[in-house]
Structures are given as C-alpha cells and as structure tokens.
C-alpha cells in the first residue's frame, strides 16, 4: 500500500509559463505537461516525478486584492523542502525576487519569498 501524499495544487496566475519557468530555474524542476484547459484557459504543470504545481490562467482571470491570510479558500503559501538551502536562497536573490523572513530554528531552517504573482513560497531544509 502506498502512503497518502499530495500530488498537486492548482493556482491561478497571470502567466503560467513564466511562473513554471521560474520554479524550474529555482528548484531544478521540469514542465510535466502544458496545454489548453478549463474555460478557454491554459495550464502548465511544473514539478518533479511525484508532485507538481498546476499554474492556470484564463482570459477573465482577475486579481482580487484580498489578503490571503484573511480570506477563505485563498492560498497563504506553499512550502518546498530542499537539500541545498543556501543554493536555493542564492538563486532566489539572483532572480531579484522579494524576500520574506528567514528562520534558522529547529526542526529546520526556512525562508520565504514572493513570486512576481505575489505567491508566497516557503523554502525548508530539515
């Protein structure tokens, strides 16, 4: 019997190709699939062999301007576990992305950054 795990999450962004390419550069991921999808939309799946993020957009997609932590069904952040914490942090800084907090306490170290779509990503090393 296989353990339960999260296969993917689907997030609406302005440009799925740009979002996917950014995460490929940062995390050494690859584009698993891309194509037309729901409501004349476009989706790009980016990740590794076991999980991925589906970045989606459609012509009528809008920014709602809501604070994610105060709004139901909004994504607050995604956490990605890495082996090379400082290498990933360096890549994020080289991309010129907005950095958030860094925490170096047990059970692991972590830092946060924001994509151009203002998606908060937590990078974790255990």
N, C-alpha and C. Protein backbone atom coordinates (compact mmCIF):
# COMPACT_ATOMS: atom_id res chain seq x y z
N UNK A 1 0.84 -1.19 0.00
CA UNK A 1 0.00 0.00 0.00
C UNK A 1 0.88 1.25 0.00
N UNK A 2 0.57 2.18 -0.85
CA UNK A 2 1.32 3.43 -0.95
C UNK A 2 0.81 4.43 0.07
N UNK A 3 1.73 5.17 0.69
CA UNK A 3 1.33 6.21 1.63
C UNK A 3 0.57 7.31 0.90
N UNK A 4 -0.31 7.97 1.58
CA UNK A 4 -1.03 9.10 1.00
C UNK A 4 -0.10 10.29 0.86
N UNK A 5 -0.25 11.02 -0.22
CA UNK A 5 0.56 12.22 -0.42
C UNK A 5 -0.18 13.19 -1.32
N UNK A 6 0.23 14.44 -1.27
CA UNK A 6 -0.36 15.48 -2.11
C UNK A 6 0.28 15.40 -3.49
N UNK A 7 -0.51 15.18 -4.50
CA UNK A 7 0.01 15.08 -5.87
C UNK A 7 0.24 16.45 -6.49
N UNK A 8 -0.76 17.34 -6.40
CA UNK A 8 -0.59 18.67 -6.97
C UNK A 8 -1.53 19.67 -6.33
N UNK A 9 -1.23 20.93 -6.60
CA UNK A 9 -2.09 22.04 -6.24
C UNK A 9 -2.25 22.88 -7.50
N UNK A 10 -3.42 23.47 -7.70
CA UNK A 10 -3.72 24.26 -8.89
C UNK A 10 -3.90 25.71 -8.46
N UNK A 11 -3.12 26.61 -9.05
CA UNK A 11 -3.13 28.02 -8.65
C UNK A 11 -3.27 28.89 -9.89
N UNK A 12 -4.17 29.86 -9.83
CA UNK A 12 -4.34 30.80 -10.94
C UNK A 12 -3.30 31.91 -10.83
N UNK A 13 -2.61 32.13 -11.94
CA UNK A 13 -1.57 33.16 -12.02
C UNK A 13 -1.77 33.95 -13.32
N UNK A 14 -1.04 35.03 -13.46
CA UNK A 14 -1.15 35.85 -14.66
C UNK A 14 -0.57 35.13 -15.88
N UNK A 15 0.63 34.54 -15.72
CA UNK A 15 1.30 33.89 -16.84
C UNK A 15 1.86 32.55 -16.38
N UNK A 16 1.18 31.44 -16.68
CA UNK A 16 1.63 30.15 -16.19
C UNK A 16 3.01 29.74 -16.70
N UNK A 17 3.34 30.10 -17.93
CA UNK A 17 4.66 29.75 -18.47
C UNK A 17 5.76 30.43 -17.68
N UNK A 18 5.61 31.73 -17.41
CA UNK A 18 6.63 32.45 -16.64
C UNK A 18 6.77 31.87 -15.23
N UNK A 19 5.64 31.57 -14.59
CA UNK A 19 5.68 31.01 -13.24
C UNK A 19 6.38 29.65 -13.23
N UNK A 20 6.06 28.81 -14.21
CA UNK A 20 6.66 27.48 -14.28
C UNK A 20 8.16 27.57 -14.56
N UNK A 21 8.55 28.43 -15.49
CA UNK A 21 9.97 28.58 -15.82
C UNK A 21 10.77 29.07 -14.63
N UNK A 22 10.20 29.97 -13.83
CA UNK A 22 10.87 30.46 -12.63
C UNK A 22 11.16 29.30 -11.67
N UNK A 23 10.15 28.46 -11.41
CA UNK A 23 10.35 27.36 -10.47
C UNK A 23 11.29 26.30 -11.05
N UNK A 24 11.33 26.15 -12.36
CA UNK A 24 12.32 25.26 -12.98
C UNK A 24 13.73 25.76 -12.67
N UNK A 25 13.95 27.06 -12.82
CA UNK A 25 15.28 27.63 -12.55
C UNK A 25 15.65 27.52 -11.07
N UNK A 26 14.70 27.76 -10.20
CA UNK A 26 14.99 27.76 -8.76
C UNK A 26 15.20 26.37 -8.19
N UNK A 27 14.34 25.42 -8.57
CA UNK A 27 14.31 24.12 -7.90
C UNK A 27 14.75 22.95 -8.78
N UNK A 28 15.27 23.23 -9.96
CA UNK A 28 15.67 22.16 -10.89
C UNK A 28 14.49 21.24 -11.22
N UNK A 29 13.31 21.81 -11.33
CA UNK A 29 12.12 21.07 -11.72
C UNK A 29 12.01 21.06 -13.24
N UNK A 30 10.97 20.42 -13.74
CA UNK A 30 10.72 20.42 -15.18
C UNK A 30 9.22 20.56 -15.44
N UNK A 31 8.89 20.95 -16.64
CA UNK A 31 7.50 21.07 -17.05
C UNK A 31 7.01 19.68 -17.44
N UNK A 32 6.02 19.19 -16.70
CA UNK A 32 5.48 17.85 -16.91
C UNK A 32 4.43 17.82 -18.01
N UNK A 33 3.67 18.90 -18.15
CA UNK A 33 2.60 18.99 -19.15
C UNK A 33 2.20 20.44 -19.27
N UNK A 34 1.72 20.80 -20.44
CA UNK A 34 1.12 22.12 -20.63
C UNK A 34 0.14 22.05 -21.77
N UNK A 35 -0.91 22.88 -21.67
CA UNK A 35 -1.88 22.89 -22.74
C UNK A 35 -3.14 23.65 -22.38
N UNK A 36 -4.10 23.57 -23.29
CA UNK A 36 -5.38 24.23 -23.10
C UNK A 36 -6.15 23.54 -21.99
N UNK A 37 -6.94 24.33 -21.26
CA UNK A 37 -7.70 23.78 -20.14
C UNK A 37 -9.00 24.54 -19.93
N UNK A 38 -9.62 24.30 -18.82
CA UNK A 38 -10.94 24.81 -18.44
C UNK A 38 -11.17 26.28 -18.82
N UNK A 39 -12.35 26.58 -19.36
CA UNK A 39 -12.80 27.95 -19.63
C UNK A 39 -11.84 28.72 -20.54
N UNK A 40 -11.43 28.11 -21.62
CA UNK A 40 -10.51 28.72 -22.59
C UNK A 40 -9.21 29.13 -21.89
N UNK A 41 -8.84 28.35 -20.91
CA UNK A 41 -7.64 28.65 -20.13
C UNK A 41 -6.42 27.92 -20.65
N UNK A 42 -5.34 28.14 -19.94
CA UNK A 42 -4.07 27.48 -20.24
C UNK A 42 -3.46 27.06 -18.91
N UNK A 43 -2.88 25.85 -18.88
CA UNK A 43 -2.28 25.32 -17.66
C UNK A 43 -0.89 24.78 -17.97
N UNK A 44 0.02 24.99 -17.01
CA UNK A 44 1.36 24.41 -17.09
C UNK A 44 1.61 23.68 -15.78
N UNK A 45 1.94 22.38 -15.88
CA UNK A 45 2.28 21.57 -14.72
C UNK A 45 3.80 21.58 -14.57
N UNK A 46 4.30 22.01 -13.39
CA UNK A 46 5.74 22.07 -13.14
C UNK A 46 6.03 21.37 -11.82
N UNK A 47 7.07 20.54 -11.81
CA UNK A 47 7.42 19.83 -10.58
C UNK A 47 8.46 18.76 -10.84
N UNK A 48 8.29 17.64 -10.13
CA UNK A 48 9.21 16.51 -10.29
C UNK A 48 8.39 15.25 -10.58
N UNK A 49 8.97 14.08 -10.37
CA UNK A 49 8.27 12.83 -10.72
C UNK A 49 7.09 12.50 -9.81
N UNK A 50 7.02 13.09 -8.62
CA UNK A 50 5.97 12.70 -7.68
C UNK A 50 4.93 13.78 -7.40
N UNK A 51 5.25 15.04 -7.63
CA UNK A 51 4.28 16.10 -7.34
C UNK A 51 4.54 17.29 -8.24
N UNK A 52 3.53 18.15 -8.33
CA UNK A 52 3.67 19.31 -9.19
C UNK A 52 2.71 20.42 -8.78
N UNK A 53 2.97 21.59 -9.33
CA UNK A 53 2.07 22.73 -9.22
C UNK A 53 1.47 22.94 -10.60
N UNK A 54 0.15 23.07 -10.66
CA UNK A 54 -0.53 23.39 -11.91
C UNK A 54 -0.79 24.89 -11.90
N UNK A 55 -0.05 25.62 -12.72
CA UNK A 55 -0.27 27.05 -12.87
C UNK A 55 -1.28 27.24 -13.99
N UNK A 56 -2.37 27.94 -13.69
CA UNK A 56 -3.52 28.08 -14.58
C UNK A 56 -3.81 29.56 -14.81
N UNK A 57 -4.32 29.86 -15.99
CA UNK A 57 -4.86 31.20 -16.26
C UNK A 57 -5.98 31.08 -17.27
N UNK A 58 -6.79 32.12 -17.35
CA UNK A 58 -7.85 32.22 -18.34
C UNK A 58 -8.03 33.68 -18.69
N UNK A 59 -8.67 34.00 -19.81
CA UNK A 59 -8.81 35.40 -20.22
C UNK A 59 -9.51 36.29 -19.20
N UNK A 60 -10.42 35.73 -18.40
CA UNK A 60 -11.17 36.53 -17.44
C UNK A 60 -10.57 36.53 -16.03
N UNK A 61 -9.36 35.97 -15.87
CA UNK A 61 -8.74 35.93 -14.54
C UNK A 61 -8.45 37.34 -14.06
N UNK A 62 -8.78 37.60 -12.79
CA UNK A 62 -8.58 38.94 -12.22
C UNK A 62 -7.88 38.80 -10.86
N UNK A 63 -7.21 39.86 -10.49
CA UNK A 63 -6.66 39.92 -9.13
C UNK A 63 -7.74 40.42 -8.21
N UNK A 64 -7.87 39.76 -7.05
CA UNK A 64 -8.94 40.19 -6.14
C UNK A 64 -8.45 41.17 -5.09
N UNK A 65 -7.14 41.30 -4.92
CA UNK A 65 -6.60 42.26 -3.97
C UNK A 65 -6.82 41.89 -2.52
N UNK A 66 -7.30 40.67 -2.27
CA UNK A 66 -7.57 40.25 -0.89
C UNK A 66 -6.29 39.78 -0.21
N UNK A 67 -6.26 39.93 1.09
CA UNK A 67 -5.18 39.39 1.92
C UNK A 67 -5.46 37.90 2.10
N UNK A 68 -4.52 37.06 1.67
CA UNK A 68 -4.78 35.62 1.68
C UNK A 68 -5.05 35.07 3.07
N UNK A 69 -4.32 35.54 4.08
CA UNK A 69 -4.49 35.01 5.43
C UNK A 69 -5.83 35.38 6.05
N UNK A 70 -6.53 36.34 5.45
CA UNK A 70 -7.81 36.78 5.99
C UNK A 70 -8.98 36.39 5.10
N UNK A 71 -8.73 35.60 4.04
CA UNK A 71 -9.77 35.27 3.09
C UNK A 71 -9.88 33.75 2.95
N UNK A 72 -11.09 33.25 3.08
CA UNK A 72 -11.34 31.81 2.97
C UNK A 72 -10.94 31.31 1.59
N UNK A 73 -10.41 30.08 1.52
CA UNK A 73 -10.04 29.37 0.30
C UNK A 73 -8.93 30.07 -0.49
N UNK A 74 -8.17 30.89 0.13
CA UNK A 74 -7.01 31.51 -0.53
C UNK A 74 -5.76 30.74 -0.13
N UNK A 75 -4.79 30.69 -1.00
CA UNK A 75 -3.51 30.05 -0.69
C UNK A 75 -2.66 31.04 0.08
N UNK A 76 -2.22 30.64 1.27
CA UNK A 76 -1.34 31.50 2.06
C UNK A 76 0.10 31.37 1.59
N UNK A 77 0.60 30.17 1.53
CA UNK A 77 1.91 29.92 0.94
C UNK A 77 2.08 28.44 0.65
N UNK A 78 3.07 28.13 -0.18
CA UNK A 78 3.47 26.76 -0.47
C UNK A 78 4.82 26.53 0.19
N UNK A 79 5.06 25.35 0.73
CA UNK A 79 6.36 25.02 1.32
C UNK A 79 7.02 23.94 0.48
N UNK A 80 8.28 24.19 0.13
CA UNK A 80 9.04 23.26 -0.68
C UNK A 80 10.28 22.85 0.11
N UNK A 81 10.44 21.55 0.33
CA UNK A 81 11.59 21.03 1.06
C UNK A 81 12.74 20.85 0.07
N UNK A 82 13.92 21.35 0.45
CA UNK A 82 15.09 21.30 -0.43
C UNK A 82 16.28 20.68 0.30
N UNK A 83 17.24 20.21 -0.48
CA UNK A 83 18.51 19.72 0.07
C UNK A 83 19.52 20.84 0.20
N UNK A 84 19.53 21.76 -0.77
CA UNK A 84 20.54 22.82 -0.84
C UNK A 84 19.92 24.17 -0.48
N UNK A 85 19.72 24.40 0.81
CA UNK A 85 19.04 25.59 1.31
C UNK A 85 19.70 26.88 0.81
N UNK A 86 21.00 27.02 1.01
CA UNK A 86 21.67 28.27 0.67
C UNK A 86 21.81 28.45 -0.84
N UNK A 87 21.91 27.37 -1.60
CA UNK A 87 21.95 27.47 -3.05
C UNK A 87 20.62 28.01 -3.57
N UNK A 88 19.52 27.49 -3.05
CA UNK A 88 18.20 27.96 -3.48
C UNK A 88 18.01 29.42 -3.07
N UNK A 89 18.43 29.77 -1.87
CA UNK A 89 18.32 31.17 -1.43
C UNK A 89 19.11 32.09 -2.35
N UNK A 90 20.29 31.67 -2.75
CA UNK A 90 21.11 32.45 -3.68
C UNK A 90 20.40 32.61 -5.02
N UNK A 91 19.80 31.54 -5.52
CA UNK A 91 19.06 31.61 -6.79
C UNK A 91 17.89 32.59 -6.69
N UNK A 92 17.18 32.54 -5.57
CA UNK A 92 16.04 33.45 -5.37
C UNK A 92 16.53 34.90 -5.39
N UNK A 93 17.62 35.17 -4.71
CA UNK A 93 18.16 36.53 -4.67
C UNK A 93 18.64 36.96 -6.06
N UNK A 94 19.27 36.04 -6.80
CA UNK A 94 19.73 36.36 -8.16
C UNK A 94 18.57 36.69 -9.09
N UNK A 95 17.41 36.11 -8.84
CA UNK A 95 16.22 36.41 -9.63
C UNK A 95 15.63 37.78 -9.27
N UNK A 96 16.12 38.38 -8.17
CA UNK A 96 15.62 39.68 -7.75
C UNK A 96 14.23 39.62 -7.14
N UNK A 97 13.86 38.47 -6.60
CA UNK A 97 12.53 38.31 -6.02
C UNK A 97 12.47 38.92 -4.63
N UNK A 98 11.27 39.35 -4.25
CA UNK A 98 11.06 39.93 -2.93
C UNK A 98 11.23 38.85 -1.87
N UNK A 99 12.14 39.10 -0.93
CA UNK A 99 12.41 38.13 0.13
C UNK A 99 11.55 38.43 1.35
N UNK A 100 11.17 37.36 2.01
CA UNK A 100 10.44 37.48 3.27
C UNK A 100 11.36 37.12 4.42
N UNK A 101 10.79 36.61 5.48
CA UNK A 101 11.55 36.28 6.68
C UNK A 101 12.42 35.04 6.48
N UNK A 102 13.46 34.93 7.31
CA UNK A 102 14.30 33.74 7.36
C UNK A 102 14.31 33.27 8.81
N UNK A 103 14.16 31.97 9.02
CA UNK A 103 14.13 31.39 10.36
C UNK A 103 15.11 30.23 10.39
N UNK A 104 16.01 30.22 11.35
CA UNK A 104 17.04 29.19 11.43
C UNK A 104 16.90 28.36 12.70
N UNK A 105 15.68 28.05 13.10
CA UNK A 105 15.44 27.28 14.32
C UNK A 105 15.02 25.85 13.98
N UNK A 106 15.18 24.95 14.95
CA UNK A 106 14.77 23.55 14.77
C UNK A 106 13.25 23.47 14.70
N UNK A 107 12.70 22.57 13.91
CA UNK A 107 13.35 21.38 13.39
C UNK A 107 14.02 21.59 12.03
N UNK A 108 14.10 22.80 11.54
CA UNK A 108 14.77 23.05 10.27
C UNK A 108 14.86 24.53 10.02
N UNK A 109 15.61 24.88 8.99
CA UNK A 109 15.70 26.29 8.62
C UNK A 109 14.76 26.55 7.46
N UNK A 110 14.32 27.80 7.34
CA UNK A 110 13.35 28.16 6.32
C UNK A 110 13.45 29.63 5.97
N UNK A 111 13.13 29.96 4.73
CA UNK A 111 12.97 31.35 4.33
C UNK A 111 11.79 31.44 3.38
N UNK A 112 11.32 32.66 3.20
CA UNK A 112 10.15 32.91 2.37
C UNK A 112 10.52 33.88 1.26
N UNK A 113 9.86 33.71 0.11
CA UNK A 113 10.00 34.69 -0.96
C UNK A 113 8.68 34.77 -1.71
N UNK A 114 8.55 35.80 -2.55
CA UNK A 114 7.33 36.04 -3.30
C UNK A 114 7.62 36.01 -4.79
N UNK A 115 6.79 35.29 -5.54
CA UNK A 115 6.92 35.26 -6.99
C UNK A 115 6.38 36.57 -7.57
N UNK A 116 6.59 36.83 -8.86
CA UNK A 116 6.01 38.04 -9.45
C UNK A 116 4.49 38.13 -9.33
N UNK A 117 3.80 36.98 -9.18
CA UNK A 117 2.35 36.99 -8.96
C UNK A 117 2.00 37.14 -7.49
N UNK A 118 3.00 37.41 -6.64
CA UNK A 118 2.82 37.59 -5.20
C UNK A 118 2.41 36.30 -4.49
N UNK A 119 2.77 35.16 -5.07
CA UNK A 119 2.58 33.87 -4.41
C UNK A 119 3.74 33.68 -3.44
N UNK A 120 3.42 33.47 -2.17
CA UNK A 120 4.45 33.29 -1.15
C UNK A 120 4.90 31.83 -1.14
N UNK A 121 6.21 31.62 -1.23
CA UNK A 121 6.78 30.29 -1.19
C UNK A 121 7.75 30.21 -0.02
N UNK A 122 7.60 29.15 0.77
CA UNK A 122 8.49 28.87 1.89
C UNK A 122 9.46 27.78 1.45
N UNK A 123 10.74 28.01 1.66
CA UNK A 123 11.79 27.04 1.33
C UNK A 123 12.28 26.45 2.64
N UNK A 124 12.25 25.12 2.78
CA UNK A 124 12.54 24.46 4.04
C UNK A 124 13.67 23.46 3.86
N UNK A 125 14.57 23.40 4.83
CA UNK A 125 15.63 22.39 4.88
C UNK A 125 15.55 21.73 6.25
N UNK A 126 15.31 20.41 6.29
CA UNK A 126 15.28 19.67 7.56
C UNK A 126 16.60 18.99 7.78
